[in-house]
């Protein structure tokens, strides 16, 4: 049996969501930062492809929920936390027409809605990196909004999706169990950071 190719999907691990004083700080998000660091360090160590989404709002952007302004472009809250910041990332906005370098392995997709697939480059990356032997490993925030949208988008495109349960958090923690149950029913698999790290390193042996 072929070892699955891992593609990491880092959802919105930005300061406004993960810093305690962020504009839209996700409850208990501090607890997952060590696991987020382990996952990104693993990806860099093994040269695994990473699709990193980032909310990129402006004050005049409509927001589908009554959240306070957050992740405003040009503010510290828009930046990724140190644990997931990869300085060499290639940034693509939804209207960016630049061709992606063949060597690019860490791609940051800016978006103005919950769904990373609102950026058309997301579908292109999934087509390029996905396939029967690919496994998309999803982590970040928030489970009840952008993580859920990313998982559903990947499942709709026929991909294997693993959700790292100890590297996600929800805006409404009480809603998370039902959301995860529904995503598993739709075809996603729940996993944990230790399992992902162990499987990735074992694939090198």
N, C-alpha and C. Protein backbone atom coordinates (compact mmCIF):
# COMPACT_ATOMS: atom_id res chain seq x y z
N UNK A 1 0.85 -1.21 0.00
CA UNK A 1 0.00 0.00 0.00
C UNK A 1 0.88 1.25 0.00
N UNK A 2 0.55 2.21 -0.88
CA UNK A 2 1.35 3.41 -0.96
C UNK A 2 1.13 4.30 0.26
N UNK A 3 2.20 4.92 0.74
CA UNK A 3 2.10 5.87 1.84
C UNK A 3 1.42 7.14 1.34
N UNK A 4 0.39 7.65 2.04
CA UNK A 4 -0.29 8.86 1.56
C UNK A 4 0.66 10.06 1.52
N UNK A 5 0.47 10.89 0.53
CA UNK A 5 1.17 12.17 0.48
C UNK A 5 0.39 13.15 1.36
N UNK A 6 1.08 13.80 2.26
CA UNK A 6 0.44 14.73 3.18
C UNK A 6 0.51 16.15 2.64
N UNK A 7 -0.63 16.82 2.64
CA UNK A 7 -0.70 18.25 2.34
C UNK A 7 -1.32 18.92 3.55
N UNK A 8 -0.62 19.84 4.18
CA UNK A 8 -1.14 20.51 5.37
C UNK A 8 -1.99 21.71 4.95
N UNK A 9 -3.06 21.92 5.69
CA UNK A 9 -3.96 23.06 5.45
C UNK A 9 -4.08 23.83 6.76
N UNK A 10 -3.40 24.95 6.82
CA UNK A 10 -3.29 25.79 8.02
C UNK A 10 -4.32 26.91 7.92
N UNK A 11 -5.39 26.80 8.69
CA UNK A 11 -6.50 27.73 8.56
C UNK A 11 -6.40 28.89 9.55
N UNK A 12 -6.10 30.06 9.03
CA UNK A 12 -6.26 31.33 9.74
C UNK A 12 -5.55 31.41 11.09
N UNK A 13 -4.34 30.88 11.19
CA UNK A 13 -3.63 30.96 12.47
C UNK A 13 -2.98 32.33 12.60
N UNK A 14 -3.85 33.33 12.77
CA UNK A 14 -3.45 34.73 12.81
C UNK A 14 -3.60 35.30 14.22
N UNK A 15 -2.90 36.39 14.46
CA UNK A 15 -2.83 36.96 15.81
C UNK A 15 -4.21 37.38 16.34
N UNK A 16 -5.06 37.93 15.50
CA UNK A 16 -6.36 38.37 15.99
C UNK A 16 -7.20 37.21 16.51
N UNK A 17 -6.91 35.99 16.06
CA UNK A 17 -7.65 34.82 16.52
C UNK A 17 -6.94 34.08 17.65
N UNK A 18 -5.61 34.09 17.66
CA UNK A 18 -4.87 33.23 18.57
C UNK A 18 -4.15 33.97 19.70
N UNK A 19 -3.99 35.27 19.60
CA UNK A 19 -3.43 36.03 20.72
C UNK A 19 -4.54 36.31 21.73
N UNK A 20 -4.22 36.27 23.02
CA UNK A 20 -5.27 36.52 24.04
C UNK A 20 -5.94 37.88 23.90
N UNK A 21 -5.19 38.87 23.41
CA UNK A 21 -5.76 40.21 23.25
C UNK A 21 -6.13 40.49 21.81
N UNK A 22 -6.28 39.45 20.99
CA UNK A 22 -6.66 39.64 19.60
C UNK A 22 -8.07 40.17 19.47
N UNK A 23 -8.36 40.78 18.33
CA UNK A 23 -9.67 41.40 18.12
C UNK A 23 -10.80 40.38 18.14
N UNK A 24 -10.52 39.14 17.79
CA UNK A 24 -11.53 38.08 17.81
C UNK A 24 -10.88 36.81 18.36
N UNK A 25 -10.37 36.92 19.58
CA UNK A 25 -9.62 35.82 20.18
C UNK A 25 -10.53 34.61 20.38
N UNK A 26 -10.11 33.46 19.85
CA UNK A 26 -10.89 32.22 19.93
C UNK A 26 -10.67 31.59 21.30
N UNK A 27 -11.72 31.18 21.99
CA UNK A 27 -11.57 30.61 23.33
C UNK A 27 -10.60 29.43 23.36
N UNK A 28 -9.70 29.46 24.32
CA UNK A 28 -8.74 28.38 24.56
C UNK A 28 -7.78 28.16 23.41
N UNK A 29 -7.67 29.12 22.50
CA UNK A 29 -6.77 28.94 21.36
C UNK A 29 -5.31 28.87 21.78
N UNK A 30 -4.97 29.45 22.94
CA UNK A 30 -3.58 29.37 23.41
C UNK A 30 -3.13 27.92 23.58
N UNK A 31 -4.07 27.06 23.93
CA UNK A 31 -3.72 25.67 24.23
C UNK A 31 -3.23 24.91 23.00
N UNK A 32 -3.62 25.33 21.80
CA UNK A 32 -3.22 24.57 20.61
C UNK A 32 -1.95 25.10 19.96
N UNK A 33 -1.41 26.20 20.47
CA UNK A 33 -0.25 26.79 19.81
C UNK A 33 0.96 25.86 19.77
N UNK A 34 1.25 25.09 20.83
CA UNK A 34 2.38 24.15 20.71
C UNK A 34 2.17 23.11 19.61
N UNK A 35 0.96 22.63 19.44
CA UNK A 35 0.71 21.65 18.38
C UNK A 35 0.79 22.30 16.99
N UNK A 36 0.31 23.52 16.89
CA UNK A 36 0.46 24.23 15.61
C UNK A 36 1.93 24.37 15.26
N UNK A 37 2.75 24.70 16.25
CA UNK A 37 4.19 24.82 16.02
C UNK A 37 4.78 23.50 15.56
N UNK A 38 4.41 22.39 16.19
CA UNK A 38 4.93 21.07 15.81
C UNK A 38 4.57 20.74 14.36
N UNK A 39 3.34 21.03 13.98
CA UNK A 39 2.90 20.70 12.63
C UNK A 39 3.64 21.51 11.57
N UNK A 40 3.80 22.80 11.80
CA UNK A 40 4.49 23.62 10.81
C UNK A 40 5.98 23.30 10.78
N UNK A 41 6.57 23.03 11.94
CA UNK A 41 7.97 22.63 11.95
C UNK A 41 8.17 21.33 11.18
N UNK A 42 7.24 20.39 11.33
CA UNK A 42 7.30 19.13 10.60
C UNK A 42 7.21 19.37 9.10
N UNK A 43 6.27 20.23 8.70
CA UNK A 43 6.12 20.53 7.28
C UNK A 43 7.39 21.13 6.70
N UNK A 44 8.01 22.04 7.43
CA UNK A 44 9.24 22.65 6.95
C UNK A 44 10.38 21.63 6.91
N UNK A 45 10.45 20.79 7.93
CA UNK A 45 11.51 19.78 8.00
C UNK A 45 11.42 18.79 6.85
N UNK A 46 10.20 18.37 6.51
CA UNK A 46 10.00 17.34 5.49
C UNK A 46 9.64 17.91 4.12
N UNK A 47 9.62 19.24 4.02
CA UNK A 47 9.27 19.92 2.75
C UNK A 47 7.89 19.51 2.25
N UNK A 48 6.95 19.41 3.20
CA UNK A 48 5.58 19.08 2.84
C UNK A 48 4.86 20.33 2.31
N UNK A 49 3.99 20.17 1.34
CA UNK A 49 3.24 21.34 0.87
C UNK A 49 2.24 21.81 1.92
N UNK A 50 2.11 23.12 2.02
CA UNK A 50 1.19 23.74 2.99
C UNK A 50 0.33 24.78 2.26
N UNK A 51 -0.98 24.64 2.41
CA UNK A 51 -1.91 25.69 2.00
C UNK A 51 -2.33 26.41 3.27
N UNK A 52 -1.95 27.67 3.40
CA UNK A 52 -2.26 28.46 4.59
C UNK A 52 -3.26 29.55 4.20
N UNK A 53 -4.43 29.52 4.80
CA UNK A 53 -5.40 30.58 4.53
C UNK A 53 -5.20 31.72 5.52
N UNK A 54 -5.61 32.91 5.10
CA UNK A 54 -5.51 34.09 5.98
C UNK A 54 -6.65 35.04 5.68
N UNK A 55 -7.44 35.35 6.71
CA UNK A 55 -8.42 36.41 6.56
C UNK A 55 -7.69 37.71 6.25
N UNK A 56 -8.18 38.43 5.27
CA UNK A 56 -7.52 39.68 4.84
C UNK A 56 -8.61 40.72 4.61
N UNK A 57 -9.06 41.32 5.71
CA UNK A 57 -10.20 42.22 5.66
C UNK A 57 -9.78 43.68 5.59
N UNK A 58 -10.73 44.48 5.14
CA UNK A 58 -10.64 45.94 5.22
C UNK A 58 -11.89 46.44 5.93
N UNK A 59 -11.83 47.64 6.46
CA UNK A 59 -12.94 48.13 7.26
C UNK A 59 -14.25 48.19 6.48
N UNK A 60 -14.16 48.37 5.16
CA UNK A 60 -15.39 48.49 4.39
C UNK A 60 -15.86 47.16 3.82
N UNK A 61 -15.21 46.05 4.20
CA UNK A 61 -15.65 44.73 3.74
C UNK A 61 -16.92 44.32 4.48
N UNK A 62 -17.90 43.75 3.76
CA UNK A 62 -19.05 43.19 4.47
C UNK A 62 -18.64 41.92 5.19
N UNK A 63 -19.22 41.69 6.36
CA UNK A 63 -18.94 40.47 7.12
C UNK A 63 -20.26 39.74 7.34
N UNK A 64 -20.33 38.45 7.03
CA UNK A 64 -21.61 37.74 7.15
C UNK A 64 -22.06 37.51 8.58
N UNK A 65 -21.22 37.77 9.55
CA UNK A 65 -21.60 37.64 10.96
C UNK A 65 -21.25 38.94 11.68
N UNK A 66 -21.93 39.22 12.79
CA UNK A 66 -21.69 40.49 13.50
C UNK A 66 -20.43 40.44 14.36
N UNK A 67 -19.31 40.09 13.76
CA UNK A 67 -18.04 40.08 14.48
C UNK A 67 -17.41 41.47 14.43
N UNK A 68 -16.62 41.80 15.44
CA UNK A 68 -15.89 43.08 15.37
C UNK A 68 -14.85 43.03 14.26
N UNK A 69 -14.37 44.19 13.81
CA UNK A 69 -13.33 44.19 12.78
C UNK A 69 -12.13 43.36 13.24
N UNK A 70 -11.58 42.56 12.34
CA UNK A 70 -10.48 41.67 12.69
C UNK A 70 -9.65 41.37 11.45
N UNK A 71 -8.40 41.00 11.68
CA UNK A 71 -7.47 40.62 10.61
C UNK A 71 -7.45 41.67 9.50
N UNK A 72 -7.40 42.94 9.91
CA UNK A 72 -7.35 44.02 8.93
C UNK A 72 -5.97 44.07 8.30
N UNK A 73 -5.94 44.12 6.98
CA UNK A 73 -4.67 44.14 6.26
C UNK A 73 -3.83 45.34 6.73
N UNK A 74 -2.58 45.07 7.03
CA UNK A 74 -1.67 46.13 7.47
C UNK A 74 -1.60 46.31 8.98
N UNK A 75 -2.41 45.54 9.72
CA UNK A 75 -2.37 45.61 11.18
C UNK A 75 -1.69 44.37 11.74
N UNK A 76 -1.15 44.44 12.97
CA UNK A 76 -0.52 43.26 13.57
C UNK A 76 -1.46 42.06 13.69
N UNK A 77 -2.76 42.31 13.86
CA UNK A 77 -3.71 41.21 14.00
C UNK A 77 -3.85 40.36 12.76
N UNK A 78 -3.48 40.91 11.62
CA UNK A 78 -3.53 40.15 10.36
C UNK A 78 -2.37 39.17 10.25
N UNK A 79 -1.29 39.43 10.97
CA UNK A 79 -0.09 38.58 10.86
C UNK A 79 -0.34 37.20 11.44
N UNK A 80 0.42 36.23 10.96
CA UNK A 80 0.39 34.90 11.56
C UNK A 80 1.13 34.93 12.89
N UNK A 81 0.73 34.02 13.77
CA UNK A 81 1.46 33.89 15.03
C UNK A 81 2.87 33.36 14.73
N UNK A 82 3.84 33.59 15.61
CA UNK A 82 5.21 33.13 15.34
C UNK A 82 5.31 31.63 15.08
N UNK A 83 4.47 30.85 15.73
CA UNK A 83 4.54 29.39 15.59
C UNK A 83 4.24 28.91 14.17
N UNK A 84 3.46 29.68 13.42
CA UNK A 84 3.07 29.24 12.08
C UNK A 84 3.55 30.17 10.98
N UNK A 85 4.33 31.17 11.35
CA UNK A 85 4.83 32.12 10.36
C UNK A 85 5.98 31.50 9.57
N UNK A 86 5.84 31.46 8.27
CA UNK A 86 6.89 30.96 7.38
C UNK A 86 7.28 32.12 6.45
N UNK A 87 8.41 32.76 6.70
CA UNK A 87 8.76 33.97 5.94
C UNK A 87 8.85 33.76 4.43
N UNK A 88 9.13 32.54 4.00
CA UNK A 88 9.29 32.28 2.57
C UNK A 88 7.98 31.95 1.87
N UNK A 89 6.85 32.07 2.57
CA UNK A 89 5.57 31.74 1.95
C UNK A 89 5.31 32.57 0.70
N UNK A 90 4.58 32.01 -0.23
CA UNK A 90 4.19 32.71 -1.45
C UNK A 90 2.74 33.15 -1.27
N UNK A 91 2.47 34.46 -1.27
CA UNK A 91 1.14 35.00 -0.98
C UNK A 91 0.35 35.22 -2.27
N UNK A 92 -0.89 34.71 -2.27
CA UNK A 92 -1.78 34.89 -3.41
C UNK A 92 -3.12 35.42 -2.92
N UNK A 93 -3.48 36.62 -3.36
CA UNK A 93 -4.80 37.14 -3.08
C UNK A 93 -5.81 36.59 -4.07
N UNK A 94 -7.11 36.76 -3.80
CA UNK A 94 -8.13 36.22 -4.70
C UNK A 94 -8.06 36.79 -6.11
N UNK A 95 -7.52 38.00 -6.26
CA UNK A 95 -7.44 38.63 -7.58
C UNK A 95 -6.03 38.58 -8.16
N UNK A 96 -5.14 37.85 -7.50
CA UNK A 96 -3.74 37.79 -7.91
C UNK A 96 -3.61 36.86 -9.10
N UNK A 97 -3.00 37.33 -10.17
CA UNK A 97 -2.87 36.54 -11.40
C UNK A 97 -1.49 35.93 -11.57
N UNK A 98 -0.63 36.09 -10.59
CA UNK A 98 0.74 35.61 -10.70
C UNK A 98 0.78 34.09 -10.80
N UNK A 99 1.64 33.58 -11.68
CA UNK A 99 1.84 32.14 -11.75
C UNK A 99 2.59 31.67 -10.52
N UNK A 100 2.24 30.50 -10.05
CA UNK A 100 2.86 29.95 -8.86
C UNK A 100 4.19 29.29 -9.22
N UNK A 101 5.28 29.66 -8.53
CA UNK A 101 6.55 28.99 -8.80
C UNK A 101 6.46 27.49 -8.57
N UNK A 102 7.06 26.72 -9.45
CA UNK A 102 6.99 25.26 -9.33
C UNK A 102 7.59 24.76 -8.02
N UNK A 103 8.54 25.53 -7.48
CA UNK A 103 9.22 25.12 -6.26
C UNK A 103 8.47 25.50 -4.99
N UNK A 104 7.39 26.27 -5.12
CA UNK A 104 6.67 26.76 -3.94
C UNK A 104 6.06 25.59 -3.16
N UNK A 105 6.28 25.57 -1.85
CA UNK A 105 5.73 24.53 -1.00
C UNK A 105 4.86 25.10 0.12
N UNK A 106 4.98 26.39 0.41
CA UNK A 106 4.13 27.03 1.42
C UNK A 106 3.44 28.21 0.75
N UNK A 107 2.12 28.09 0.62
CA UNK A 107 1.33 29.10 -0.08
C UNK A 107 0.33 29.71 0.89
N UNK A 108 0.29 31.03 0.97
CA UNK A 108 -0.71 31.71 1.79
C UNK A 108 -1.77 32.32 0.88
N UNK A 109 -3.01 31.92 1.11
CA UNK A 109 -4.13 32.40 0.31
C UNK A 109 -4.94 33.41 1.12
N UNK A 110 -4.95 34.65 0.70
CA UNK A 110 -5.77 35.65 1.35
C UNK A 110 -7.22 35.48 0.93
N UNK A 111 -8.12 35.72 1.87
CA UNK A 111 -9.55 35.57 1.60
C UNK A 111 -10.34 36.61 2.37
N UNK A 112 -11.53 36.91 1.88
CA UNK A 112 -12.38 37.92 2.51
C UNK A 112 -13.65 37.32 3.09
N UNK A 113 -13.80 36.00 2.95
CA UNK A 113 -14.95 35.29 3.53
C UNK A 113 -14.42 34.10 4.31
N UNK A 114 -15.34 33.34 4.93
CA UNK A 114 -14.92 32.16 5.69
C UNK A 114 -14.18 31.15 4.82
N UNK A 115 -14.64 30.98 3.59
CA UNK A 115 -14.26 29.84 2.77
C UNK A 115 -12.96 30.11 2.01
N UNK A 116 -11.94 29.28 2.26
CA UNK A 116 -10.67 29.43 1.53
C UNK A 116 -10.89 29.26 0.03
N UNK A 117 -11.93 28.52 -0.35
CA UNK A 117 -12.19 28.31 -1.78
C UNK A 117 -12.83 29.52 -2.44
N UNK A 118 -13.09 30.58 -1.67
CA UNK A 118 -13.47 31.85 -2.29
C UNK A 118 -12.27 32.46 -3.01
N UNK A 119 -11.08 32.00 -2.67
CA UNK A 119 -9.88 32.35 -3.43
C UNK A 119 -9.70 31.27 -4.49
N UNK A 120 -9.81 31.61 -5.78
CA UNK A 120 -9.78 30.58 -6.82
C UNK A 120 -8.49 29.78 -6.87
N UNK A 121 -7.42 30.31 -6.29
CA UNK A 121 -6.16 29.57 -6.28
C UNK A 121 -6.25 28.31 -5.41
N UNK A 122 -7.20 28.29 -4.46
CA UNK A 122 -7.34 27.11 -3.60
C UNK A 122 -7.71 25.88 -4.42
N UNK A 123 -8.68 26.02 -5.30
CA UNK A 123 -9.08 24.89 -6.14
C UNK A 123 -7.93 24.44 -7.03
N UNK A 124 -7.16 25.39 -7.53
CA UNK A 124 -6.03 25.04 -8.39
C UNK A 124 -4.99 24.24 -7.62
N UNK A 125 -4.71 24.65 -6.38
CA UNK A 125 -3.73 23.94 -5.57
C UNK A 125 -4.21 22.54 -5.23
N UNK A 126 -5.50 22.41 -4.90
CA UNK A 126 -6.04 21.09 -4.58
C UNK A 126 -5.95 20.17 -5.80
N UNK A 127 -6.23 20.69 -6.97
CA UNK A 127 -6.10 19.89 -8.19
C UNK A 127 -4.66 19.47 -8.42
N UNK A 128 -3.73 20.40 -8.17
CA UNK A 128 -2.31 20.12 -8.41
C UNK A 128 -1.74 19.13 -7.40
N UNK A 129 -2.06 19.33 -6.12
CA UNK A 129 -1.45 18.53 -5.05
C UNK A 129 -2.31 17.36 -4.61
N UNK A 130 -3.59 17.36 -4.95
CA UNK A 130 -4.49 16.31 -4.49
C UNK A 130 -4.43 15.06 -5.33
N UNK A 131 -5.41 14.19 -5.10
CA UNK A 131 -5.47 12.94 -5.84
C UNK A 131 -5.73 11.77 -4.93
N UNK A 132 -5.82 10.57 -5.51
CA UNK A 132 -6.17 9.39 -4.72
C UNK A 132 -5.20 9.06 -3.59
N UNK A 133 -3.94 9.44 -3.75
CA UNK A 133 -2.95 9.11 -2.74
C UNK A 133 -2.59 10.31 -1.86
N UNK A 134 -3.42 11.34 -1.90
CA UNK A 134 -3.16 12.55 -1.12
C UNK A 134 -4.07 12.59 0.11
N UNK A 135 -3.55 13.13 1.19
CA UNK A 135 -4.33 13.32 2.41
C UNK A 135 -4.14 14.77 2.87
N UNK A 136 -5.24 15.50 2.93
CA UNK A 136 -5.20 16.89 3.38
C UNK A 136 -5.40 16.93 4.89
N UNK A 137 -4.44 17.48 5.58
CA UNK A 137 -4.42 17.52 7.05
C UNK A 137 -4.77 18.95 7.48
N UNK A 138 -5.96 19.11 8.08
CA UNK A 138 -6.50 20.44 8.36
C UNK A 138 -6.37 20.77 9.85
N UNK A 139 -5.92 22.00 10.13
CA UNK A 139 -5.82 22.48 11.51
C UNK A 139 -5.95 23.99 11.51
N UNK A 140 -6.19 24.57 12.70
CA UNK A 140 -6.30 26.03 12.82
C UNK A 140 -7.62 26.44 13.45
N UNK A 141 -8.10 27.62 13.08
CA UNK A 141 -9.32 28.18 13.67
C UNK A 141 -10.17 28.84 12.58
N UNK A 142 -11.42 28.97 12.80
CA UNK A 142 -12.18 28.39 13.91
C UNK A 142 -12.99 27.23 13.38
N UNK A 143 -13.14 26.20 14.22
CA UNK A 143 -13.81 24.97 13.80
C UNK A 143 -15.19 25.24 13.22
N UNK A 144 -15.93 26.15 13.82
CA UNK A 144 -17.32 26.39 13.43
C UNK A 144 -17.47 27.35 12.27
N UNK A 145 -16.38 27.87 11.76
CA UNK A 145 -16.47 28.79 10.62
C UNK A 145 -15.49 28.36 9.52
N UNK A 146 -14.27 28.87 9.57
CA UNK A 146 -13.36 28.69 8.44
C UNK A 146 -12.80 27.27 8.33
N UNK A 147 -12.58 26.59 9.46
CA UNK A 147 -12.13 25.20 9.40
C UNK A 147 -13.21 24.34 8.76
N UNK A 148 -14.43 24.51 9.22
CA UNK A 148 -15.54 23.73 8.66
C UNK A 148 -15.68 23.97 7.16
N UNK A 149 -15.60 25.23 6.73
CA UNK A 149 -15.74 25.54 5.30
C UNK A 149 -14.63 24.88 4.48
N UNK A 150 -13.40 24.88 5.01
CA UNK A 150 -12.28 24.27 4.29
C UNK A 150 -12.47 22.76 4.17
N UNK A 151 -12.89 22.12 5.25
CA UNK A 151 -13.09 20.67 5.22
C UNK A 151 -14.19 20.30 4.23
N UNK A 152 -15.30 21.02 4.26
CA UNK A 152 -16.39 20.74 3.33
C UNK A 152 -15.96 20.95 1.89
N UNK A 153 -15.17 22.00 1.65
CA UNK A 153 -14.69 22.26 0.29
C UNK A 153 -13.79 21.16 -0.22
N UNK A 154 -12.94 20.65 0.64
CA UNK A 154 -12.06 19.55 0.25
C UNK A 154 -12.84 18.26 0.01
N UNK A 155 -13.81 17.97 0.89
CA UNK A 155 -14.63 16.77 0.69
C UNK A 155 -15.44 16.88 -0.60
N UNK A 156 -15.97 18.06 -0.87
CA UNK A 156 -16.74 18.25 -2.10
C UNK A 156 -15.88 18.01 -3.34
N UNK A 157 -14.58 18.18 -3.21
CA UNK A 157 -13.65 17.96 -4.33
C UNK A 157 -13.06 16.56 -4.32
N UNK A 158 -13.64 15.68 -3.52
CA UNK A 158 -13.27 14.29 -3.55
C UNK A 158 -11.96 13.94 -2.88
N UNK A 159 -11.50 14.78 -1.93
CA UNK A 159 -10.22 14.56 -1.29
C UNK A 159 -10.36 13.85 0.05
N UNK A 160 -9.30 13.13 0.45
CA UNK A 160 -9.21 12.60 1.81
C UNK A 160 -8.87 13.74 2.76
N UNK A 161 -9.61 13.85 3.83
CA UNK A 161 -9.40 14.95 4.77
C UNK A 161 -9.25 14.40 6.18
N UNK A 162 -8.18 14.79 6.84
CA UNK A 162 -7.95 14.48 8.25
C UNK A 162 -7.94 15.79 9.02
N UNK A 163 -8.74 15.84 10.09
CA UNK A 163 -8.83 17.02 10.94
C UNK A 163 -8.04 16.75 12.21
N UNK A 164 -7.11 17.64 12.54
CA UNK A 164 -6.26 17.46 13.72
C UNK A 164 -7.01 18.01 14.93
N UNK A 165 -7.65 17.13 15.69
CA UNK A 165 -8.59 17.53 16.73
C UNK A 165 -7.94 18.32 17.86
N UNK A 166 -6.64 18.08 18.12
CA UNK A 166 -5.97 18.84 19.18
C UNK A 166 -5.20 20.04 18.63
N UNK A 167 -5.55 20.46 17.41
CA UNK A 167 -4.95 21.66 16.82
C UNK A 167 -6.02 22.52 16.16
N UNK A 168 -7.24 22.45 16.70
CA UNK A 168 -8.34 23.30 16.26
C UNK A 168 -9.08 23.82 17.50
N UNK A 169 -9.77 24.92 17.32
CA UNK A 169 -10.65 25.46 18.36
C UNK A 169 -11.80 26.19 17.70
N UNK A 170 -12.93 26.28 18.42
CA UNK A 170 -14.15 26.90 17.89
C UNK A 170 -14.44 28.22 18.60
N UNK A 171 -15.11 29.11 17.88
CA UNK A 171 -15.62 30.33 18.51
C UNK A 171 -16.64 29.96 19.58
N UNK A 172 -17.50 28.98 19.26
CA UNK A 172 -18.47 28.46 20.22
C UNK A 172 -18.05 27.03 20.58
N UNK A 173 -17.32 26.85 21.68
CA UNK A 173 -16.83 25.51 22.02
C UNK A 173 -17.94 24.47 22.18
N UNK A 174 -19.13 24.90 22.58
CA UNK A 174 -20.21 23.93 22.77
C UNK A 174 -20.70 23.35 21.44
N UNK A 175 -20.44 24.06 20.35
CA UNK A 175 -20.89 23.59 19.04
C UNK A 175 -19.90 22.63 18.38
N UNK A 176 -18.67 22.59 18.88
CA UNK A 176 -17.62 21.84 18.19
C UNK A 176 -17.91 20.34 18.08
N UNK A 177 -18.35 19.64 19.15
CA UNK A 177 -18.59 18.20 19.00
C UNK A 177 -19.57 17.86 17.89
N UNK A 178 -20.68 18.59 17.80
CA UNK A 178 -21.68 18.30 16.76
C UNK A 178 -21.12 18.58 15.37
N UNK A 179 -20.32 19.64 15.26
CA UNK A 179 -19.72 19.96 13.96
C UNK A 179 -18.76 18.87 13.52
N UNK A 180 -17.92 18.41 14.43
CA UNK A 180 -16.97 17.36 14.08
C UNK A 180 -17.68 16.05 13.76
N UNK A 181 -18.74 15.75 14.50
CA UNK A 181 -19.51 14.54 14.21
C UNK A 181 -20.09 14.60 12.81
N UNK A 182 -20.60 15.76 12.42
CA UNK A 182 -21.16 15.92 11.08
C UNK A 182 -20.08 15.79 10.01
N UNK A 183 -18.90 16.38 10.24
CA UNK A 183 -17.83 16.30 9.26
C UNK A 183 -17.33 14.86 9.09
N UNK A 184 -17.27 14.12 10.19
CA UNK A 184 -16.90 12.71 10.09
C UNK A 184 -17.96 11.93 9.32
N UNK A 185 -19.21 12.22 9.58
CA UNK A 185 -20.30 11.57 8.83
C UNK A 185 -20.17 11.82 7.33
N UNK A 186 -19.68 13.00 6.98
CA UNK A 186 -19.53 13.36 5.57
C UNK A 186 -18.26 12.76 4.94
N UNK A 187 -17.38 12.18 5.77
CA UNK A 187 -16.22 11.51 5.20
C UNK A 187 -14.87 11.92 5.76
N UNK A 188 -14.82 12.93 6.62
CA UNK A 188 -13.54 13.34 7.22
C UNK A 188 -13.12 12.36 8.31
N UNK A 189 -11.84 12.38 8.64
CA UNK A 189 -11.28 11.54 9.70
C UNK A 189 -10.68 12.43 10.77
N UNK A 190 -10.93 12.10 12.04
CA UNK A 190 -10.31 12.84 13.14
C UNK A 190 -8.98 12.19 13.50
N UNK A 191 -8.01 13.01 13.79
CA UNK A 191 -6.70 12.53 14.20
C UNK A 191 -6.12 13.49 15.23
N UNK A 192 -4.88 13.25 15.66
CA UNK A 192 -4.21 14.12 16.61
C UNK A 192 -2.79 14.40 16.12
N UNK A 193 -2.18 15.41 16.70
CA UNK A 193 -0.86 15.84 16.26
C UNK A 193 0.17 14.72 16.34
N UNK A 194 0.17 13.98 17.45
CA UNK A 194 1.15 12.89 17.60
C UNK A 194 1.05 11.90 16.45
N UNK A 195 -0.17 11.56 16.06
CA UNK A 195 -0.36 10.59 14.98
C UNK A 195 0.18 11.13 13.65
N UNK A 196 -0.10 12.38 13.37
CA UNK A 196 0.39 12.97 12.12
C UNK A 196 1.91 13.00 12.09
N UNK A 197 2.51 13.43 13.19
CA UNK A 197 3.98 13.49 13.24
C UNK A 197 4.58 12.09 13.12
N UNK A 198 4.00 11.13 13.81
CA UNK A 198 4.52 9.77 13.76
C UNK A 198 4.41 9.18 12.35
N UNK A 199 3.26 9.35 11.70
CA UNK A 199 3.06 8.80 10.37
C UNK A 199 3.97 9.48 9.35
N UNK A 200 4.14 10.79 9.47
CA UNK A 200 4.98 11.51 8.52
C UNK A 200 6.43 11.07 8.65
N UNK A 201 6.92 10.94 9.87
CA UNK A 201 8.31 10.53 10.05
C UNK A 201 8.52 9.06 9.67
N UNK A 202 7.50 8.23 9.90
CA UNK A 202 7.62 6.82 9.54
C UNK A 202 7.69 6.64 8.02
N UNK A 203 7.10 7.55 7.28
CA UNK A 203 7.11 7.44 5.82
C UNK A 203 8.51 7.63 5.25
N UNK A 204 9.43 8.16 6.06
CA UNK A 204 10.79 8.36 5.60
C UNK A 204 11.65 7.12 5.78
N UNK A 205 11.18 6.18 6.58
CA UNK A 205 11.98 5.00 6.90
C UNK A 205 11.95 3.97 5.77
